[in-house]
Structures are given as C-alpha cells and as structure tokens.
Amino acid sequence: PRRVYIAGLSAGGAAAAVMAATYPDLYAAVGVHSGLPCG
C-alpha cells in the first residue's frame, strides 16, 4: 500500500490529477500526460 501510483492521458490525466488532490493518502505519486490540473 505504500507503493500505489496513478497516471493518465488527456481526460485520464486530468482525472489522475483529481485523484492526487482528493486521495493523497492512497497514491504515493501521480503521472499526468497531456492533462489538466484539478479544478
């Protein structure tokens, strides 16, 4: 559970940014490719 990561492309990248912002206790790092920031 200490090595759980999330990444995405475009809309998936934007969703990955949302997940990092809303679940920082669940994901140890995030990768955003061609996406947008949360909010």
PDB file of all heavy atoms in Angstrom:
ATOM      1  N   PRO A   1       0.807  -1.234   0.000  1.00  0.00           N
ATOM      2  CA  PRO A   1       0.000   0.000   0.000  1.00  0.00           C
ATOM      3  C   PRO A   1       0.831   1.271   0.000  1.00  0.00           C
ATOM      4  O   PRO A   1       0.296   2.354  -0.276  1.00  0.00           O
ATOM      5  CB  PRO A   1      -0.838  -0.132   1.265  1.00  0.00           C
ATOM      6  CG  PRO A   1      -0.071  -1.056   2.146  1.00  0.00           C
ATOM      7  CD  PRO A   1       0.620  -2.023   1.225  1.00  0.00           C
ATOM      8  N   ARG A   2       2.132   1.160   0.288  1.00  0.00           N
ATOM      9  CA  ARG A   2       2.996   2.337   0.262  1.00  0.00           C
ATOM     10  C   ARG A   2       3.498   2.639  -1.142  1.00  0.00           C
ATOM     11  O   ARG A   2       4.101   3.700  -1.375  1.00  0.00           O
ATOM     12  CB  ARG A   2       4.190   2.132   1.186  1.00  0.00           C
ATOM     13  CG  ARG A   2       3.832   1.844   2.634  1.00  0.00           C
ATOM     14  CD  ARG A   2       5.076   1.414   3.395  1.00  0.00           C
ATOM     15  NE  ARG A   2       5.656   0.193   2.820  1.00  0.00           N
ATOM     16  CZ  ARG A   2       6.827  -0.330   3.184  1.00  0.00           C
ATOM     17  NH1 ARG A   2       7.551   0.266   4.123  1.00  0.00           N
ATOM     18  NH2 ARG A   2       7.268  -1.440   2.605  1.00  0.00           N
ATOM     19  N   ARG A   3       3.256   1.712  -2.086  1.00  0.00           N
ATOM     20  CA  ARG A   3       3.754   1.878  -3.451  1.00  0.00           C
ATOM     21  C   ARG A   3       2.591   1.737  -4.442  1.00  0.00           C
ATOM     22  O   ARG A   3       2.593   0.872  -5.308  1.00  0.00           O
ATOM     23  CB  ARG A   3       4.863   0.869  -3.746  1.00  0.00           C
ATOM     24  CG  ARG A   3       6.111   1.073  -2.901  1.00  0.00           C
ATOM     25  CD  ARG A   3       7.243   0.181  -3.368  1.00  0.00           C
ATOM     26  NE  ARG A   3       6.952  -1.232  -3.125  1.00  0.00           N
ATOM     27  CZ  ARG A   3       7.667  -2.248  -3.632  1.00  0.00           C
ATOM     28  NH1 ARG A   3       8.699  -1.995  -4.429  1.00  0.00           N
ATOM     29  NH2 ARG A   3       7.342  -3.488  -3.349  1.00  0.00           N
ATOM     30  N   VAL A   4       1.609   2.595  -4.288  1.00  0.00           N
ATOM     31  CA  VAL A   4       0.451   2.634  -5.179  1.00  0.00           C
ATOM     32  C   VAL A   4       0.477   3.974  -5.919  1.00  0.00           C
ATOM     33  O   VAL A   4       0.565   5.034  -5.284  1.00  0.00           O
ATOM     34  CB  VAL A   4      -0.865   2.472  -4.402  1.00  0.00           C
ATOM     35  CG1 VAL A   4      -2.067   2.592  -5.334  1.00  0.00           C
ATOM     36  CG2 VAL A   4      -0.878   1.131  -3.680  1.00  0.00           C
ATOM     37  N   TYR A   5       0.404   3.932  -7.240  1.00  0.00           N
ATOM     38  CA  TYR A   5       0.578   5.119  -8.066  1.00  0.00           C
ATOM     39  C   TYR A   5      -0.572   5.218  -9.072  1.00  0.00           C
ATOM     40  O   TYR A   5      -1.271   4.236  -9.341  1.00  0.00           O
ATOM     41  CB  TYR A   5       1.915   5.055  -8.807  1.00  0.00           C
ATOM     42  CG  TYR A   5       3.060   4.611  -7.930  1.00  0.00           C
ATOM     43  CD1 TYR A   5       3.540   3.305  -7.982  1.00  0.00           C
ATOM     44  CD2 TYR A   5       3.653   5.487  -7.023  1.00  0.00           C
ATOM     45  CE1 TYR A   5       4.580   2.880  -7.167  1.00  0.00           C
ATOM     46  CE2 TYR A   5       4.698   5.072  -6.191  1.00  0.00           C
ATOM     47  CZ  TYR A   5       5.154   3.767  -6.271  1.00  0.00           C
ATOM     48  OH  TYR A   5       6.179   3.349  -5.455  1.00  0.00           O
ATOM     49  N   ILE A   6      -0.754   6.395  -9.651  1.00  0.00           N
ATOM     50  CA  ILE A   6      -1.819   6.593 -10.628  1.00  0.00           C
ATOM     51  C   ILE A   6      -1.320   7.510 -11.740  1.00  0.00           C
ATOM     52  O   ILE A   6      -0.523   8.427 -11.491  1.00  0.00           O
ATOM     53  CB  ILE A   6      -3.089   7.161  -9.956  1.00  0.00           C
ATOM     54  CG1 ILE A   6      -4.281   7.124 -10.919  1.00  0.00           C
ATOM     55  CG2 ILE A   6      -2.848   8.573  -9.418  1.00  0.00           C
ATOM     56  CD1 ILE A   6      -5.621   7.283 -10.230  1.00  0.00           C
ATOM     57  N   ALA A   7      -1.751   7.226 -12.970  1.00  0.00           N
ATOM     58  CA  ALA A   7      -1.321   8.017 -14.127  1.00  0.00           C
ATOM     59  C   ALA A   7      -2.432   8.009 -15.163  1.00  0.00           C
ATOM     60  O   ALA A   7      -3.318   7.141 -15.149  1.00  0.00           O
ATOM     61  CB  ALA A   7      -0.028   7.449 -14.725  1.00  0.00           C
ATOM     62  N   GLY A   8      -2.398   8.970 -16.084  1.00  0.00           N
ATOM     63  CA  GLY A   8      -3.409   9.012 -17.125  1.00  0.00           C
ATOM     64  C   GLY A   8      -3.034   9.935 -18.255  1.00  0.00           C
ATOM     65  O   GLY A   8      -2.109  10.756 -18.147  1.00  0.00           O
ATOM     66  N   LEU A   9      -3.783   9.805 -19.361  1.00  0.00           N
ATOM     67  CA  LEU A   9      -3.582  10.599 -20.564  1.00  0.00           C
ATOM     68  C   LEU A   9      -4.804  11.462 -20.833  1.00  0.00           C
ATOM     69  O   LEU A   9      -5.942  10.979 -20.773  1.00  0.00           O
ATOM     70  CB  LEU A   9      -3.352   9.671 -21.766  1.00  0.00           C
ATOM     71  CG  LEU A   9      -3.373  10.316 -23.163  1.00  0.00           C
ATOM     72  CD1 LEU A   9      -2.194  11.257 -23.348  1.00  0.00           C
ATOM     73  CD2 LEU A   9      -3.383   9.238 -24.253  1.00  0.00           C
ATOM     74  N   SER A  10      -4.593  12.743 -21.127  1.00  0.00           N
ATOM     75  CA  SER A  10      -5.652  13.647 -21.552  1.00  0.00           C
ATOM     76  C   SER A  10      -6.735  13.720 -20.476  1.00  0.00           C
ATOM     77  O   SER A  10      -6.462  14.152 -19.356  1.00  0.00           O
ATOM     78  CB  SER A  10      -6.194  13.201 -22.903  1.00  0.00           C
ATOM     79  OG  SER A  10      -6.986  14.205 -23.488  1.00  0.00           O
ATOM     80  N   ALA A  11      -7.978  13.293 -20.783  1.00  0.00           N
ATOM     81  CA  ALA A  11      -9.017  13.279 -19.752  1.00  0.00           C
ATOM     82  C   ALA A  11      -8.608  12.375 -18.597  1.00  0.00           C
ATOM     83  O   ALA A  11      -8.912  12.651 -17.432  1.00  0.00           O
ATOM     84  CB  ALA A  11     -10.343  12.812 -20.347  1.00  0.00           C
ATOM     85  N   GLY A  12      -7.910  11.280 -18.911  1.00  0.00           N
ATOM     86  CA  GLY A  12      -7.398  10.403 -17.856  1.00  0.00           C
ATOM     87  C   GLY A  12      -6.314  11.074 -17.036  1.00  0.00           C
ATOM     88  O   GLY A  12      -6.190  10.833 -15.829  1.00  0.00           O
ATOM     89  N   GLY A  13      -5.507  11.924 -17.683  1.00  0.00           N
ATOM     90  CA  GLY A  13      -4.501  12.683 -16.945  1.00  0.00           C
ATOM     91  C   GLY A  13      -5.141  13.684 -16.009  1.00  0.00           C
ATOM     92  O   GLY A  13      -4.709  13.872 -14.873  1.00  0.00           O
ATOM     93  N   ALA A  14      -6.204  14.354 -16.494  1.00  0.00           N
ATOM     94  CA  ALA A  14      -6.925  15.285 -15.638  1.00  0.00           C
ATOM     95  C   ALA A  14      -7.568  14.551 -14.466  1.00  0.00           C
ATOM     96  O   ALA A  14      -7.576  15.040 -13.328  1.00  0.00           O
ATOM     97  CB  ALA A  14      -7.990  16.019 -16.454  1.00  0.00           C
ATOM     98  N   ALA A  15      -8.121  13.348 -14.728  1.00  0.00           N
ATOM     99  CA  ALA A  15      -8.712  12.555 -13.652  1.00  0.00           C
ATOM    100  C   ALA A  15      -7.646  12.099 -12.661  1.00  0.00           C
ATOM    101  O   ALA A  15      -7.897  12.032 -11.451  1.00  0.00           O
ATOM    102  CB  ALA A  15      -9.454  11.357 -14.233  1.00  0.00           C
ATOM    103  N   ALA A  16      -6.447  11.775 -13.148  1.00  0.00           N
ATOM    104  CA  ALA A  16      -5.359  11.397 -12.250  1.00  0.00           C
ATOM    105  C   ALA A  16      -4.980  12.560 -11.333  1.00  0.00           C
ATOM    106  O   ALA A  16      -4.690  12.370 -10.148  1.00  0.00           O
ATOM    107  CB  ALA A  16      -4.147  10.924 -13.051  1.00  0.00           C
ATOM    108  N   ALA A  17      -4.982  13.780 -11.888  1.00  0.00           N
ATOM    109  CA  ALA A  17      -4.712  14.956 -11.063  1.00  0.00           C
ATOM    110  C   ALA A  17      -5.789  15.136  -9.994  1.00  0.00           C
ATOM    111  O   ALA A  17      -5.493  15.519  -8.855  1.00  0.00           O
ATOM    112  CB  ALA A  17      -4.623  16.204 -11.944  1.00  0.00           C
ATOM    113  N   VAL A  18      -7.039  14.855 -10.354  1.00  0.00           N
ATOM    114  CA  VAL A  18      -8.125  14.906  -9.368  1.00  0.00           C
ATOM    115  C   VAL A  18      -7.887  13.872  -8.265  1.00  0.00           C
ATOM    116  O   VAL A  18      -8.073  14.160  -7.070  1.00  0.00           O
ATOM    117  CB  VAL A  18      -9.483  14.657 -10.049  1.00  0.00           C
ATOM    118  CG1 VAL A  18     -10.584  14.457  -9.005  1.00  0.00           C
ATOM    119  CG2 VAL A  18      -9.843  15.821 -10.971  1.00  0.00           C
ATOM    120  N   MET A  19      -7.460  12.669  -8.649  1.00  0.00           N
ATOM    121  CA  MET A  19      -7.239  11.618  -7.645  1.00  0.00           C
ATOM    122  C   MET A  19      -6.101  11.984  -6.699  1.00  0.00           C
ATOM    123  O   MET A  19      -6.164  11.707  -5.498  1.00  0.00           O
ATOM    124  CB  MET A  19      -6.940  10.293  -8.338  1.00  0.00           C
ATOM    125  CG  MET A  19      -8.080   9.750  -9.188  1.00  0.00           C
ATOM    126  SD  MET A  19      -9.652   9.604  -8.299  1.00  0.00           S
ATOM    127  CE  MET A  19      -9.235   8.360  -7.075  1.00  0.00           C
ATOM    128  N   ALA A  20      -5.052  12.610  -7.214  1.00  0.00           N
ATOM    129  CA  ALA A  20      -3.948  13.029  -6.346  1.00  0.00           C
ATOM    130  C   ALA A  20      -4.408  14.093  -5.365  1.00  0.00           C
ATOM    131  O   ALA A  20      -3.958  14.128  -4.215  1.00  0.00           O
ATOM    132  CB  ALA A  20      -2.792  13.549  -7.199  1.00  0.00           C
ATOM    133  N   ALA A  21      -5.312  14.977  -5.830  1.00  0.00           N
ATOM    134  CA  ALA A  21      -5.794  16.049  -4.961  1.00  0.00           C
ATOM    135  C   ALA A  21      -6.770  15.536  -3.917  1.00  0.00           C
ATOM    136  O   ALA A  21      -6.807  16.049  -2.793  1.00  0.00           O
ATOM    137  CB  ALA A  21      -6.464  17.141  -5.814  1.00  0.00           C
ATOM    138  N   THR A  22      -7.567  14.525  -4.260  1.00  0.00           N
ATOM    139  CA  THR A  22      -8.622  14.064  -3.353  1.00  0.00           C
ATOM    140  C   THR A  22      -8.226  12.849  -2.512  1.00  0.00           C
ATOM    141  O   THR A  22      -8.815  12.613  -1.461  1.00  0.00           O
ATOM    142  CB  THR A  22      -9.889  13.727  -4.154  1.00  0.00           C
ATOM    143  OG1 THR A  22      -9.574  12.797  -5.200  1.00  0.00           O
ATOM    144  CG2 THR A  22     -10.478  14.990  -4.780  1.00  0.00           C
ATOM    145  N   TYR A  23      -7.219  12.087  -2.974  1.00  0.00           N
ATOM    146  CA  TYR A  23      -6.783  10.899  -2.226  1.00  0.00           C
ATOM    147  C   TYR A  23      -5.258  10.883  -2.072  1.00  0.00           C
ATOM    148  O   TYR A  23      -4.585   9.934  -2.480  1.00  0.00           O
ATOM    149  CB  TYR A  23      -7.253   9.627  -2.940  1.00  0.00           C
ATOM    150  CG  TYR A  23      -8.743   9.416  -2.869  1.00  0.00           C
ATOM    151  CD1 TYR A  23      -9.586   9.908  -3.867  1.00  0.00           C
ATOM    152  CD2 TYR A  23      -9.317   8.729  -1.799  1.00  0.00           C
ATOM    153  CE1 TYR A  23     -10.958   9.726  -3.808  1.00  0.00           C
ATOM    154  CE2 TYR A  23     -10.695   8.538  -1.728  1.00  0.00           C
ATOM    155  CZ  TYR A  23     -11.505   9.041  -2.724  1.00  0.00           C
ATOM    156  OH  TYR A  23     -12.869   8.854  -2.650  1.00  0.00           O
ATOM    157  N   PRO A  24      -4.688  11.917  -1.456  1.00  0.00           N
ATOM    158  CA  PRO A  24      -3.228  11.932  -1.277  1.00  0.00           C
ATOM    159  C   PRO A  24      -2.740  10.861  -0.315  1.00  0.00           C
ATOM    160  O   PRO A  24      -1.542  10.559  -0.297  1.00  0.00           O
ATOM    161  CB  PRO A  24      -2.976  13.341  -0.724  1.00  0.00           C
ATOM    162  CG  PRO A  24      -4.239  13.701  -0.029  1.00  0.00           C
ATOM    163  CD  PRO A  24      -5.331  13.107  -0.878  1.00  0.00           C
ATOM    164  N   ASP A  25      -3.646  10.295   0.466  1.00  0.00           N
ATOM    165  CA  ASP A  25      -3.284   9.218   1.384  1.00  0.00           C
ATOM    166  C   ASP A  25      -3.264   7.861   0.698  1.00  0.00           C
ATOM    167  O   ASP A  25      -2.735   6.887   1.259  1.00  0.00           O
ATOM    168  CB  ASP A  25      -4.286   9.173   2.537  1.00  0.00           C
ATOM    169  CG  ASP A  25      -5.733   9.081   2.059  1.00  0.00           C
ATOM    170  OD1 ASP A  25      -6.044   9.655   0.994  1.00  0.00           O
ATOM    171  OD2 ASP A  25      -6.550   8.439   2.740  1.00  0.00           O
ATOM    172  N   LEU A  26      -3.816   7.762  -0.506  1.00  0.00           N
ATOM    173  CA  LEU A  26      -3.908   6.482  -1.204  1.00  0.00           C
ATOM    174  C   LEU A  26      -2.817   6.315  -2.251  1.00  0.00           C
ATOM    175  O   LEU A  26      -2.309   5.206  -2.453  1.00  0.00           O
ATOM    176  CB  LEU A  26      -5.283   6.365  -1.858  1.00  0.00           C
ATOM    177  CG  LEU A  26      -5.632   5.052  -2.561  1.00  0.00           C
ATOM    178  CD1 LEU A  26      -5.517   3.863  -1.605  1.00  0.00           C
ATOM    179  CD2 LEU A  26      -7.038   5.130  -3.161  1.00  0.00           C
ATOM    180  N   TYR A  27      -2.429   7.411  -2.916  1.00  0.00           N
ATOM    181  CA  TYR A  27      -1.465   7.342  -4.015  1.00  0.00           C
ATOM    182  C   TYR A  27      -0.158   8.007  -3.615  1.00  0.00           C
ATOM    183  O   TYR A  27      -0.137   9.152  -3.167  1.00  0.00           O
ATOM    184  CB  TYR A  27      -2.050   7.997  -5.262  1.00  0.00           C
ATOM    185  CG  TYR A  27      -3.338   7.341  -5.699  1.00  0.00           C
ATOM    186  CD1 TYR A  27      -4.578   7.932  -5.424  1.00  0.00           C
ATOM    187  CD2 TYR A  27      -3.316   6.109  -6.345  1.00  0.00           C
ATOM    188  CE1 TYR A  27      -5.754   7.313  -5.806  1.00  0.00           C
ATOM    189  CE2 TYR A  27      -4.500   5.485  -6.722  1.00  0.00           C
ATOM    190  CZ  TYR A  27      -5.716   6.081  -6.450  1.00  0.00           C
ATOM    191  OH  TYR A  27      -6.875   5.468  -6.810  1.00  0.00           O
ATOM    192  N   ALA A  28       0.942   7.268  -3.818  1.00  0.00           N
ATOM    193  CA  ALA A  28       2.261   7.758  -3.421  1.00  0.00           C
ATOM    194  C   ALA A  28       2.842   8.724  -4.449  1.00  0.00           C
ATOM    195  O   ALA A  28       3.748   9.494  -4.123  1.00  0.00           O
ATOM    196  CB  ALA A  28       3.212   6.580  -3.220  1.00  0.00           C
ATOM    197  N   ALA A  29       2.348   8.688  -5.683  1.00  0.00           N
ATOM    198  CA  ALA A  29       2.822   9.596  -6.729  1.00  0.00           C
ATOM    199  C   ALA A  29       1.827   9.542  -7.878  1.00  0.00           C
ATOM    200  O   ALA A  29       1.041   8.592  -8.003  1.00  0.00           O
ATOM    201  CB  ALA A  29       4.223   9.226  -7.212  1.00  0.00           C
ATOM    202  N   VAL A  30       1.884  10.568  -8.747  1.00  0.00           N
ATOM    203  CA  VAL A  30       0.951  10.667  -9.860  1.00  0.00           C
ATOM    204  C   VAL A  30       1.688  11.074 -11.129  1.00  0.00           C
ATOM    205  O   VAL A  30       2.659  11.843 -11.066  1.00  0.00           O
ATOM    206  CB  VAL A  30      -0.185  11.675  -9.538  1.00  0.00           C
ATOM    207  CG1 VAL A  30       0.392  13.058  -9.254  1.00  0.00           C
ATOM    208  CG2 VAL A  30      -1.209  11.766 -10.680  1.00  0.00           C
ATOM    209  N   GLY A  31       1.241  10.538 -12.272  1.00  0.00           N
ATOM    210  CA  GLY A  31       1.759  10.934 -13.572  1.00  0.00           C
ATOM    211  C   GLY A  31       0.649  11.508 -14.421  1.00  0.00           C
ATOM    212  O   GLY A  31      -0.392  10.866 -14.604  1.00  0.00           O
ATOM    213  N   VAL A  32       0.839  12.712 -14.939  1.00  0.00           N
ATOM    214  CA  VAL A  32      -0.184  13.386 -15.752  1.00  0.00           C
ATOM    215  C   VAL A  32       0.400  13.647 -17.139  1.00  0.00           C
ATOM    216  O   VAL A  32       1.360  14.402 -17.279  1.00  0.00           O
ATOM    217  CB  VAL A  32      -0.637  14.710 -15.102  1.00  0.00           C
ATOM    218  CG1 VAL A  32      -1.722  15.364 -15.959  1.00  0.00           C
ATOM    219  CG2 VAL A  32      -1.139  14.477 -13.680  1.00  0.00           C
ATOM    220  N   HIS A  33      -0.186  13.016 -18.157  1.00  0.00           N
ATOM    221  CA  HIS A  33       0.283  13.182 -19.536  1.00  0.00           C
ATOM    222  C   HIS A  33      -0.783  13.922 -20.339  1.00  0.00           C
ATOM    223  O   HIS A  33      -1.914  13.457 -20.486  1.00  0.00           O
ATOM    224  CB  HIS A  33       0.549  11.815 -20.168  1.00  0.00           C
ATOM    225  CG  HIS A  33       1.444  11.863 -21.372  1.00  0.00           C
ATOM    226  ND1 HIS A  33       1.270  12.758 -22.412  1.00  0.00           N
ATOM    227  CD2 HIS A  33       2.553  11.134 -21.694  1.00  0.00           C
ATOM    228  CE1 HIS A  33       2.211  12.570 -23.320  1.00  0.00           C
ATOM    229  NE2 HIS A  33       3.001  11.589 -22.913  1.00  0.00           N
ATOM    230  N   SER A  34      -0.427  15.100 -20.844  1.00  0.00           N
ATOM    231  CA  SER A  34      -1.319  15.893 -21.698  1.00  0.00           C
ATOM    232  C   SER A  34      -2.656  16.163 -21.023  1.00  0.00           C
ATOM    233  O   SER A  34      -3.706  16.142 -21.672  1.00  0.00           O
ATOM    234  CB  SER A  34      -1.560  15.173 -23.036  1.00  0.00           C
ATOM    235  OG  SER A  34      -0.350  14.813 -23.648  1.00  0.00           O
ATOM    236  N   GLY A  35      -2.621  16.421 -19.708  1.00  0.00           N
ATOM    237  CA  GLY A  35      -3.844  16.611 -18.941  1.00  0.00           C
ATOM    238  C   GLY A  35      -4.010  18.025 -18.431  1.00  0.00           C
ATOM    239  O   GLY A  35      -3.385  18.968 -18.924  1.00  0.00           O
ATOM    240  N   LEU A  36      -4.867  18.168 -17.433  1.00  0.00           N
ATOM    241  CA  LEU A  36      -5.190  19.465 -16.842  1.00  0.00           C
ATOM    242  C   LEU A  36      -5.182  19.335 -15.330  1.00  0.00           C
ATOM    243  O   LEU A  36      -5.367  18.241 -14.784  1.00  0.00           O
ATOM    244  CB  LEU A  36      -6.557  19.972 -17.310  1.00  0.00           C
ATOM    245  CG  LEU A  36      -6.748  20.132 -18.817  1.00  0.00           C
ATOM    246  CD1 LEU A  36      -7.413  18.900 -19.407  1.00  0.00           C
ATOM    247  CD2 LEU A  36      -7.580  21.377 -19.137  1.00  0.00           C
ATOM    248  N   PRO A  37      -5.015  20.449 -14.603  1.00  0.00           N
ATOM    249  CA  PRO A  37      -4.991  20.379 -13.144  1.00  0.00           C
ATOM    250  C   PRO A  37      -6.381  20.175 -12.565  1.00  0.00           C
ATOM    251  O   PRO A  37      -7.391  20.459 -13.216  1.00  0.00           O
ATOM    252  CB  PRO A  37      -4.417  21.744 -12.743  1.00  0.00           C
ATOM    253  CG  PRO A  37      -4.818  22.655 -13.855  1.00  0.00           C
ATOM    254  CD  PRO A  37      -4.752  21.815 -15.095  1.00  0.00           C
ATOM    255  N   CYS A  38      -6.423  19.689 -11.349  1.00  0.00           N
ATOM    256  CA  CYS A  38      -7.687  19.527 -10.647  1.00  0.00           C
ATOM    257  C   CYS A  38      -8.336  20.900 -10.444  1.00  0.00           C
ATOM    258  O   CYS A  38      -7.681  21.854 -10.039  1.00  0.00           O
ATOM    259  CB  CYS A  38      -7.455  18.853  -9.299  1.00  0.00           C
ATOM    260  SG  CYS A  38      -8.944  18.657  -8.294  1.00  0.00           S
ATOM    261  N   GLY A  39      -9.633  20.988 -10.739  1.00  0.00           N
ATOM    262  CA  GLY A  39     -10.356  22.244 -10.543  1.00  0.00           C
ATOM    263  C   GLY A  39     -10.215  23.233 -11.674  1.00  0.00           C
ATOM    264  O   GLY A  39     -10.599  24.395 -11.520  1.00  0.00           O
TER     265      GLY A  39
END
